[in-house]
């Protein structure tokens, strides 16, 4: 455990107060519900369970004791990766994604030189957010993400820490 594992309160640019804390086992049903609502091809519950015992960290964002978002990060060997980020559709465009992303960056500074991520090439809102937060494009991963009709490419992005 390190200094970034303690709960904290952050305020979004829209003035929404977020309580951030690490995922606990009791949170899995709510996380899975948000995951299914936010992503067309959601993670399996076992991926979140890995956050409870592995090197990954899953930070939850709550407001009024309601889960509104989360971010999953990992780092090793001088690099870090944003593995998953989601905001409840009802709470999007309120600065939660940006706040979670900034928190993820602050958690890996000092542990990594670069923070990498993949994003669906069709996810323009996410690409816009990442670009605004200083991420740049590195290339594409062909047929990386499943779709209802096959696969789509991922855009590989990174931020120098």
N, C-alpha and C. Protein backbone atom coordinates (compact mmCIF):
# COMPACT_ATOMS: atom_id res chain seq x y z
N UNK A 1 0.85 -1.19 0.00
CA UNK A 1 0.00 0.00 0.00
C UNK A 1 0.88 1.24 0.00
N UNK A 2 0.46 2.28 -0.70
CA UNK A 2 1.24 3.52 -0.72
C UNK A 2 0.32 4.70 -0.45
N UNK A 3 0.88 5.89 -0.54
CA UNK A 3 0.11 7.09 -0.23
C UNK A 3 -1.10 7.27 -1.11
N UNK A 4 -1.09 6.68 -2.31
CA UNK A 4 -2.20 6.85 -3.23
C UNK A 4 -3.31 5.83 -3.00
N UNK A 5 -3.14 4.95 -2.03
CA UNK A 5 -4.16 3.96 -1.74
C UNK A 5 -5.18 4.45 -0.72
N UNK A 6 -4.98 5.61 -0.17
CA UNK A 6 -5.91 6.17 0.81
C UNK A 6 -7.07 6.87 0.11
N UNK A 7 -8.28 6.76 0.66
CA UNK A 7 -9.42 7.46 0.07
C UNK A 7 -9.16 8.97 0.02
N UNK A 8 -9.75 9.63 -0.95
CA UNK A 8 -9.62 11.08 -1.04
C UNK A 8 -10.85 11.68 -1.69
N UNK A 9 -10.96 12.98 -1.57
CA UNK A 9 -12.09 13.72 -2.16
C UNK A 9 -11.51 14.68 -3.19
N UNK A 10 -12.05 14.63 -4.40
CA UNK A 10 -11.65 15.52 -5.48
C UNK A 10 -12.90 16.19 -6.03
N UNK A 11 -12.74 17.36 -6.61
CA UNK A 11 -13.85 18.09 -7.20
C UNK A 11 -13.62 18.22 -8.70
N UNK A 12 -14.62 17.89 -9.49
CA UNK A 12 -14.51 17.99 -10.95
C UNK A 12 -14.60 19.46 -11.37
N UNK A 13 -14.26 19.71 -12.63
CA UNK A 13 -14.36 21.07 -13.16
C UNK A 13 -15.79 21.58 -13.14
N UNK A 14 -16.76 20.66 -13.11
CA UNK A 14 -18.17 21.04 -13.05
C UNK A 14 -18.65 21.25 -11.61
N UNK A 15 -17.71 21.09 -10.64
CA UNK A 15 -18.07 21.32 -9.24
C UNK A 15 -18.65 20.12 -8.53
N UNK A 16 -18.61 18.95 -9.16
CA UNK A 16 -19.13 17.73 -8.55
C UNK A 16 -18.07 17.15 -7.62
N UNK A 17 -18.44 16.88 -6.38
CA UNK A 17 -17.51 16.32 -5.41
C UNK A 17 -17.48 14.81 -5.55
N UNK A 18 -16.28 14.27 -5.75
CA UNK A 18 -16.09 12.83 -5.91
C UNK A 18 -15.31 12.27 -4.74
N UNK A 19 -15.78 11.16 -4.22
CA UNK A 19 -15.05 10.41 -3.20
C UNK A 19 -14.36 9.27 -3.94
N UNK A 20 -13.03 9.26 -3.93
CA UNK A 20 -12.27 8.20 -4.59
C UNK A 20 -11.73 7.24 -3.56
N UNK A 21 -11.88 5.95 -3.86
CA UNK A 21 -11.35 4.90 -2.99
C UNK A 21 -11.10 3.67 -3.82
N UNK A 22 -10.29 2.76 -3.28
CA UNK A 22 -9.97 1.53 -3.99
C UNK A 22 -11.15 0.56 -3.96
N UNK A 23 -11.24 -0.24 -5.00
CA UNK A 23 -12.24 -1.29 -5.13
C UNK A 23 -12.14 -2.28 -3.98
N UNK A 24 -13.29 -2.68 -3.47
CA UNK A 24 -13.38 -3.75 -2.48
C UNK A 24 -14.30 -4.83 -3.05
N UNK A 25 -14.20 -6.03 -2.53
CA UNK A 25 -14.99 -7.14 -3.06
C UNK A 25 -16.49 -6.84 -3.06
N UNK A 26 -16.97 -6.15 -2.03
CA UNK A 26 -18.40 -5.84 -1.93
C UNK A 26 -18.88 -4.91 -3.05
N UNK A 27 -17.94 -4.24 -3.74
CA UNK A 27 -18.29 -3.30 -4.81
C UNK A 27 -18.51 -3.97 -6.16
N UNK A 28 -18.14 -5.24 -6.28
CA UNK A 28 -18.15 -5.89 -7.59
C UNK A 28 -19.52 -5.85 -8.30
N UNK A 29 -20.64 -6.10 -7.62
CA UNK A 29 -21.92 -6.03 -8.35
C UNK A 29 -22.19 -4.64 -8.96
N UNK A 30 -21.91 -3.58 -8.21
CA UNK A 30 -22.13 -2.22 -8.73
C UNK A 30 -21.16 -1.89 -9.87
N UNK A 31 -19.92 -2.33 -9.73
CA UNK A 31 -18.93 -2.10 -10.78
C UNK A 31 -19.34 -2.82 -12.05
N UNK A 32 -19.80 -4.05 -11.91
CA UNK A 32 -20.21 -4.81 -13.10
C UNK A 32 -21.44 -4.18 -13.76
N UNK A 33 -22.34 -3.65 -12.98
CA UNK A 33 -23.50 -2.97 -13.56
C UNK A 33 -23.06 -1.74 -14.36
N UNK A 34 -22.17 -0.94 -13.78
CA UNK A 34 -21.67 0.24 -14.49
C UNK A 34 -20.90 -0.19 -15.73
N UNK A 35 -20.08 -1.22 -15.62
CA UNK A 35 -19.30 -1.72 -16.76
C UNK A 35 -20.22 -2.12 -17.91
N UNK A 36 -21.30 -2.82 -17.61
CA UNK A 36 -22.24 -3.24 -18.65
C UNK A 36 -22.97 -2.05 -19.27
N UNK A 37 -23.24 -1.03 -18.48
CA UNK A 37 -23.94 0.16 -18.99
C UNK A 37 -23.01 1.06 -19.81
N UNK A 38 -21.72 1.03 -19.52
CA UNK A 38 -20.80 1.97 -20.14
C UNK A 38 -20.07 1.41 -21.37
N UNK A 39 -19.97 0.09 -21.47
CA UNK A 39 -19.18 -0.52 -22.55
C UNK A 39 -20.01 -1.52 -23.35
N UNK A 40 -19.82 -1.51 -24.66
CA UNK A 40 -20.54 -2.45 -25.52
C UNK A 40 -20.05 -3.88 -25.32
N UNK A 41 -18.81 -4.04 -24.97
CA UNK A 41 -18.21 -5.36 -24.71
C UNK A 41 -17.50 -5.29 -23.35
N UNK A 42 -18.27 -5.47 -22.28
CA UNK A 42 -17.72 -5.26 -20.93
C UNK A 42 -16.68 -6.30 -20.53
N UNK A 43 -15.84 -5.86 -19.59
CA UNK A 43 -14.90 -6.78 -18.95
C UNK A 43 -15.67 -7.85 -18.21
N UNK A 44 -15.01 -8.98 -18.00
CA UNK A 44 -15.54 -10.02 -17.12
C UNK A 44 -15.30 -9.62 -15.67
N UNK A 45 -16.11 -10.15 -14.78
CA UNK A 45 -15.93 -9.86 -13.36
C UNK A 45 -14.55 -10.30 -12.88
N UNK A 46 -14.02 -11.37 -13.44
CA UNK A 46 -12.71 -11.87 -13.02
C UNK A 46 -11.61 -10.83 -13.25
N UNK A 47 -11.77 -9.97 -14.26
CA UNK A 47 -10.78 -8.91 -14.50
C UNK A 47 -10.77 -7.92 -13.35
N UNK A 48 -11.94 -7.60 -12.83
CA UNK A 48 -12.00 -6.71 -11.68
C UNK A 48 -11.53 -7.41 -10.41
N UNK A 49 -11.81 -8.70 -10.30
CA UNK A 49 -11.34 -9.47 -9.14
C UNK A 49 -9.81 -9.48 -9.10
N UNK A 50 -9.17 -9.48 -10.27
CA UNK A 50 -7.71 -9.41 -10.32
C UNK A 50 -7.18 -8.13 -9.67
N UNK A 51 -7.97 -7.07 -9.71
CA UNK A 51 -7.57 -5.80 -9.09
C UNK A 51 -7.49 -5.92 -7.57
N UNK A 52 -8.22 -6.87 -7.02
CA UNK A 52 -8.23 -7.05 -5.57
C UNK A 52 -6.97 -7.75 -5.08
N UNK A 53 -6.28 -8.46 -5.97
CA UNK A 53 -5.12 -9.23 -5.53
C UNK A 53 -3.85 -8.97 -6.33
N UNK A 54 -3.95 -8.17 -7.35
CA UNK A 54 -2.81 -7.99 -8.23
C UNK A 54 -2.15 -6.63 -8.13
N UNK A 55 -1.36 -6.38 -9.14
CA UNK A 55 -0.62 -5.12 -9.24
C UNK A 55 -1.51 -3.98 -9.73
N UNK A 56 -2.65 -4.34 -10.34
CA UNK A 56 -3.58 -3.31 -10.82
C UNK A 56 -4.27 -2.63 -9.64
N UNK A 57 -4.65 -1.39 -9.87
CA UNK A 57 -5.44 -0.65 -8.90
C UNK A 57 -6.70 -0.18 -9.60
N UNK A 58 -7.84 -0.42 -8.97
CA UNK A 58 -9.12 0.07 -9.48
C UNK A 58 -9.64 1.10 -8.48
N UNK A 59 -9.68 2.33 -8.94
CA UNK A 59 -10.20 3.44 -8.13
C UNK A 59 -11.66 3.67 -8.49
N UNK A 60 -12.51 3.73 -7.47
CA UNK A 60 -13.92 4.02 -7.67
C UNK A 60 -14.17 5.50 -7.39
N UNK A 61 -15.07 6.09 -8.16
CA UNK A 61 -15.50 7.47 -7.93
C UNK A 61 -16.97 7.42 -7.53
N UNK A 62 -17.27 7.97 -6.37
CA UNK A 62 -18.64 7.99 -5.86
C UNK A 62 -19.05 9.43 -5.57
N UNK A 63 -20.32 9.68 -5.77
CA UNK A 63 -20.90 10.94 -5.35
C UNK A 63 -22.24 10.60 -4.70
N UNK A 64 -22.51 11.21 -3.58
CA UNK A 64 -23.71 10.90 -2.80
C UNK A 64 -23.85 9.38 -2.60
N UNK A 65 -22.73 8.74 -2.31
CA UNK A 65 -22.65 7.30 -2.05
C UNK A 65 -23.12 6.44 -3.22
N UNK A 66 -23.06 6.99 -4.43
CA UNK A 66 -23.43 6.26 -5.64
C UNK A 66 -22.20 6.17 -6.54
N UNK A 67 -21.93 4.95 -7.03
CA UNK A 67 -20.82 4.74 -7.95
C UNK A 67 -21.11 5.44 -9.27
N UNK A 68 -20.20 6.33 -9.68
CA UNK A 68 -20.39 7.06 -10.93
C UNK A 68 -19.27 6.82 -11.93
N UNK A 69 -18.19 6.17 -11.49
CA UNK A 69 -17.10 5.90 -12.41
C UNK A 69 -15.99 5.12 -11.75
N UNK A 70 -15.03 4.69 -12.57
CA UNK A 70 -13.84 4.02 -12.05
C UNK A 70 -12.73 4.09 -13.08
N UNK A 71 -11.53 3.85 -12.60
CA UNK A 71 -10.36 3.78 -13.46
C UNK A 71 -9.48 2.65 -12.95
N UNK A 72 -8.91 1.87 -13.89
CA UNK A 72 -8.02 0.76 -13.55
C UNK A 72 -6.67 1.05 -14.17
N UNK A 73 -5.63 1.01 -13.34
CA UNK A 73 -4.27 1.28 -13.81
C UNK A 73 -3.33 0.20 -13.30
N UNK A 74 -2.20 0.07 -13.96
CA UNK A 74 -1.13 -0.81 -13.52
C UNK A 74 0.20 -0.21 -13.94
N UNK A 75 1.25 -0.61 -13.28
CA UNK A 75 2.59 -0.17 -13.69
C UNK A 75 3.61 -1.24 -13.36
N UNK A 76 4.63 -1.31 -14.22
CA UNK A 76 5.74 -2.24 -14.03
C UNK A 76 6.84 -1.87 -15.01
N UNK A 77 8.06 -2.05 -14.60
CA UNK A 77 9.19 -1.88 -15.50
C UNK A 77 9.32 -0.50 -16.11
N UNK A 78 8.88 0.52 -15.42
CA UNK A 78 9.03 1.88 -15.93
C UNK A 78 7.90 2.37 -16.82
N UNK A 79 6.93 1.51 -17.09
CA UNK A 79 5.77 1.91 -17.88
C UNK A 79 4.51 1.69 -17.07
N UNK A 80 3.47 2.41 -17.42
CA UNK A 80 2.16 2.25 -16.79
C UNK A 80 1.13 2.12 -17.89
N UNK A 81 0.01 1.51 -17.54
CA UNK A 81 -1.06 1.35 -18.51
C UNK A 81 -2.41 1.64 -17.87
N UNK A 82 -3.19 2.41 -18.58
CA UNK A 82 -4.59 2.63 -18.21
C UNK A 82 -5.34 1.45 -18.83
N UNK A 83 -5.87 0.58 -17.99
CA UNK A 83 -6.51 -0.65 -18.47
C UNK A 83 -8.00 -0.47 -18.75
N UNK A 84 -8.65 0.37 -17.97
CA UNK A 84 -10.09 0.56 -18.12
C UNK A 84 -10.47 1.86 -17.43
N UNK A 85 -11.42 2.54 -18.01
CA UNK A 85 -11.99 3.74 -17.40
C UNK A 85 -13.43 3.81 -17.86
N UNK A 86 -14.32 4.14 -16.94
CA UNK A 86 -15.73 4.23 -17.31
C UNK A 86 -16.42 5.24 -16.41
N UNK A 87 -17.38 5.91 -16.98
CA UNK A 87 -18.25 6.83 -16.26
C UNK A 87 -19.68 6.44 -16.57
N UNK A 88 -20.51 6.40 -15.55
CA UNK A 88 -21.91 6.07 -15.73
C UNK A 88 -22.51 6.99 -16.80
N UNK A 89 -23.24 6.43 -17.76
CA UNK A 89 -23.83 7.27 -18.81
C UNK A 89 -24.63 8.46 -18.27
N UNK A 90 -25.28 8.30 -17.14
CA UNK A 90 -26.06 9.40 -16.55
C UNK A 90 -25.18 10.53 -16.01
N UNK A 91 -23.89 10.26 -15.80
CA UNK A 91 -23.00 11.24 -15.20
C UNK A 91 -21.89 11.70 -16.15
N UNK A 92 -21.99 11.35 -17.42
CA UNK A 92 -20.97 11.77 -18.38
C UNK A 92 -21.08 13.26 -18.67
N UNK A 93 -19.96 13.81 -19.09
CA UNK A 93 -19.83 15.24 -19.44
C UNK A 93 -19.91 16.14 -18.21
N UNK A 94 -19.48 15.62 -17.05
CA UNK A 94 -19.44 16.41 -15.82
C UNK A 94 -18.02 16.49 -15.25
N UNK A 95 -17.02 16.07 -16.04
CA UNK A 95 -15.64 16.14 -15.61
C UNK A 95 -15.14 14.94 -14.82
N UNK A 96 -15.97 13.90 -14.69
CA UNK A 96 -15.57 12.73 -13.91
C UNK A 96 -14.45 11.97 -14.61
N UNK A 97 -14.58 11.75 -15.90
CA UNK A 97 -13.54 11.03 -16.65
C UNK A 97 -12.21 11.75 -16.58
N UNK A 98 -12.24 13.05 -16.75
CA UNK A 98 -11.01 13.85 -16.66
C UNK A 98 -10.39 13.77 -15.28
N UNK A 99 -11.22 13.85 -14.25
CA UNK A 99 -10.73 13.76 -12.87
C UNK A 99 -10.12 12.39 -12.60
N UNK A 100 -10.78 11.33 -13.05
CA UNK A 100 -10.25 9.98 -12.88
C UNK A 100 -8.92 9.82 -13.63
N UNK A 101 -8.85 10.34 -14.84
CA UNK A 101 -7.63 10.23 -15.63
C UNK A 101 -6.49 10.99 -14.96
N UNK A 102 -6.75 12.19 -14.48
CA UNK A 102 -5.72 12.95 -13.78
C UNK A 102 -5.26 12.23 -12.52
N UNK A 103 -6.18 11.59 -11.82
CA UNK A 103 -5.81 10.83 -10.63
C UNK A 103 -4.93 9.64 -11.01
N UNK A 104 -5.29 8.94 -12.08
CA UNK A 104 -4.48 7.81 -12.54
C UNK A 104 -3.05 8.26 -12.84
N UNK A 105 -2.91 9.39 -13.53
CA UNK A 105 -1.58 9.92 -13.84
C UNK A 105 -0.82 10.21 -12.55
N UNK A 106 -1.47 10.84 -11.59
CA UNK A 106 -0.78 11.18 -10.34
C UNK A 106 -0.34 9.93 -9.58
N UNK A 107 -1.08 8.84 -9.72
CA UNK A 107 -0.72 7.60 -9.03
C UNK A 107 0.52 6.93 -9.60
N UNK A 108 0.78 7.10 -10.89
CA UNK A 108 1.91 6.40 -11.51
C UNK A 108 3.14 7.27 -11.72
N UNK A 109 3.01 8.57 -11.52
CA UNK A 109 4.18 9.44 -11.60
C UNK A 109 5.17 8.98 -10.53
N UNK A 110 6.41 8.86 -10.94
CA UNK A 110 7.44 8.36 -10.02
C UNK A 110 7.63 6.86 -10.11
N UNK A 111 6.66 6.16 -10.70
CA UNK A 111 6.75 4.71 -10.89
C UNK A 111 6.93 4.36 -12.37
N UNK A 112 6.64 5.32 -13.23
CA UNK A 112 6.68 5.06 -14.68
C UNK A 112 7.06 6.34 -15.41
N UNK A 113 7.61 6.16 -16.60
CA UNK A 113 7.96 7.30 -17.46
C UNK A 113 6.88 7.59 -18.49
N UNK A 114 6.11 6.56 -18.82
CA UNK A 114 5.06 6.70 -19.83
C UNK A 114 3.80 6.00 -19.32
N UNK A 115 2.66 6.57 -19.68
CA UNK A 115 1.37 5.94 -19.41
C UNK A 115 0.72 5.65 -20.77
N UNK A 116 0.44 4.38 -21.02
CA UNK A 116 -0.13 3.94 -22.29
C UNK A 116 -1.60 3.58 -22.13
N UNK A 117 -2.32 3.61 -23.25
CA UNK A 117 -3.71 3.15 -23.26
C UNK A 117 -4.10 2.80 -24.68
N UNK A 118 -5.12 1.97 -24.79
CA UNK A 118 -5.76 1.69 -26.08
C UNK A 118 -7.19 2.17 -26.00
N UNK A 119 -7.70 2.67 -27.11
CA UNK A 119 -9.07 3.15 -27.18
C UNK A 119 -9.64 2.78 -28.54
N UNK A 120 -10.92 2.42 -28.55
CA UNK A 120 -11.59 2.12 -29.83
C UNK A 120 -11.47 3.33 -30.75
N UNK A 121 -11.15 3.10 -32.01
CA UNK A 121 -11.03 4.23 -32.93
C UNK A 121 -12.37 4.94 -33.13
N UNK A 122 -13.47 4.26 -32.82
CA UNK A 122 -14.80 4.87 -32.96
C UNK A 122 -15.19 5.70 -31.73
N UNK A 123 -14.42 5.64 -30.67
CA UNK A 123 -14.77 6.33 -29.42
C UNK A 123 -14.20 7.75 -29.42
N UNK A 124 -14.83 8.61 -30.19
CA UNK A 124 -14.35 9.99 -30.37
C UNK A 124 -14.33 10.78 -29.06
N UNK A 125 -15.34 10.58 -28.19
CA UNK A 125 -15.37 11.31 -26.92
C UNK A 125 -14.16 10.97 -26.06
N UNK A 126 -13.81 9.70 -26.01
CA UNK A 126 -12.66 9.28 -25.20
C UNK A 126 -11.36 9.81 -25.81
N UNK A 127 -11.22 9.72 -27.12
CA UNK A 127 -10.00 10.21 -27.78
C UNK A 127 -9.84 11.71 -27.53
N UNK A 128 -10.94 12.43 -27.59
CA UNK A 128 -10.94 13.86 -27.30
C UNK A 128 -10.46 14.13 -25.87
N UNK A 129 -10.99 13.36 -24.91
CA UNK A 129 -10.59 13.50 -23.51
C UNK A 129 -9.10 13.22 -23.35
N UNK A 130 -8.62 12.11 -23.90
CA UNK A 130 -7.21 11.75 -23.76
C UNK A 130 -6.31 12.81 -24.38
N UNK A 131 -6.68 13.31 -25.55
CA UNK A 131 -5.89 14.35 -26.21
C UNK A 131 -5.84 15.61 -25.36
N UNK A 132 -6.98 15.99 -24.81
CA UNK A 132 -7.06 17.19 -23.96
C UNK A 132 -6.17 17.05 -22.73
N UNK A 133 -6.01 15.81 -22.24
CA UNK A 133 -5.21 15.55 -21.05
C UNK A 133 -3.74 15.27 -21.38
N UNK A 134 -3.34 15.51 -22.62
CA UNK A 134 -1.92 15.43 -22.97
C UNK A 134 -1.45 14.11 -23.57
N UNK A 135 -2.38 13.22 -23.90
CA UNK A 135 -1.98 11.98 -24.55
C UNK A 135 -1.79 12.23 -26.04
N UNK A 136 -0.87 11.50 -26.63
CA UNK A 136 -0.62 11.61 -28.07
C UNK A 136 -0.74 10.23 -28.70
N UNK A 137 -1.00 10.23 -30.01
CA UNK A 137 -1.22 8.99 -30.75
C UNK A 137 0.11 8.33 -31.11
N UNK A 138 0.19 7.02 -30.91
CA UNK A 138 1.39 6.25 -31.26
C UNK A 138 1.18 5.35 -32.46
N UNK A 139 -0.06 4.93 -32.68
CA UNK A 139 -0.34 4.02 -33.78
C UNK A 139 -1.64 3.28 -33.56
N UNK A 140 -1.86 2.25 -34.38
CA UNK A 140 -3.09 1.46 -34.29
C UNK A 140 -2.76 0.01 -33.99
N UNK A 141 -3.70 -0.66 -33.34
CA UNK A 141 -3.65 -2.11 -33.17
C UNK A 141 -4.83 -2.64 -33.99
N UNK A 142 -4.52 -3.36 -35.05
CA UNK A 142 -5.54 -3.87 -35.97
C UNK A 142 -6.44 -4.90 -35.28
N UNK A 143 -7.74 -4.76 -35.52
CA UNK A 143 -8.73 -5.74 -35.05
C UNK A 143 -8.62 -6.06 -33.56
N UNK A 144 -8.34 -5.06 -32.75
CA UNK A 144 -8.07 -5.25 -31.33
C UNK A 144 -9.34 -5.47 -30.51
N UNK A 145 -10.38 -4.70 -30.80
CA UNK A 145 -11.62 -4.75 -30.01
C UNK A 145 -12.71 -5.53 -30.73
N UNK A 146 -13.44 -6.38 -29.99
CA UNK A 146 -14.59 -7.06 -30.61
C UNK A 146 -15.73 -6.07 -30.83
N UNK A 147 -16.50 -6.34 -31.87
CA UNK A 147 -17.72 -5.58 -32.14
C UNK A 147 -18.83 -6.60 -32.40
N UNK A 148 -20.03 -6.12 -32.60
CA UNK A 148 -21.13 -7.03 -32.92
C UNK A 148 -20.96 -7.68 -34.28
N UNK A 149 -20.17 -7.04 -35.16
CA UNK A 149 -19.98 -7.54 -36.52
C UNK A 149 -18.54 -7.94 -36.83
N UNK A 150 -17.73 -8.17 -35.82
CA UNK A 150 -16.34 -8.53 -36.07
C UNK A 150 -15.41 -7.86 -35.08
N UNK A 151 -14.50 -7.03 -35.60
CA UNK A 151 -13.52 -6.33 -34.76
C UNK A 151 -13.28 -4.93 -35.29
N UNK A 152 -12.77 -4.07 -34.41
CA UNK A 152 -12.34 -2.74 -34.85
C UNK A 152 -10.96 -2.46 -34.29
N UNK A 153 -10.28 -1.53 -34.92
CA UNK A 153 -8.93 -1.18 -34.50
C UNK A 153 -8.95 -0.39 -33.19
N UNK A 154 -7.82 -0.46 -32.51
CA UNK A 154 -7.60 0.36 -31.33
C UNK A 154 -6.56 1.41 -31.69
N UNK A 155 -6.74 2.58 -31.16
CA UNK A 155 -5.76 3.64 -31.25
C UNK A 155 -4.89 3.53 -30.01
N UNK A 156 -3.59 3.40 -30.20
CA UNK A 156 -2.64 3.35 -29.09
C UNK A 156 -2.20 4.78 -28.79
N UNK A 157 -2.35 5.18 -27.53
CA UNK A 157 -1.99 6.53 -27.11
C UNK A 157 -1.07 6.45 -25.90
N UNK A 158 -0.32 7.53 -25.66
CA UNK A 158 0.58 7.56 -24.51
C UNK A 158 0.73 8.99 -24.01
N UNK A 159 1.15 9.07 -22.76
CA UNK A 159 1.46 10.36 -22.16
C UNK A 159 2.80 10.24 -21.48
N UNK A 160 3.67 11.20 -21.76
CA UNK A 160 4.98 11.27 -21.09
C UNK A 160 4.75 11.80 -19.69
N UNK A 161 5.22 11.08 -18.69
CA UNK A 161 5.00 11.48 -17.29
C UNK A 161 6.14 12.34 -16.78
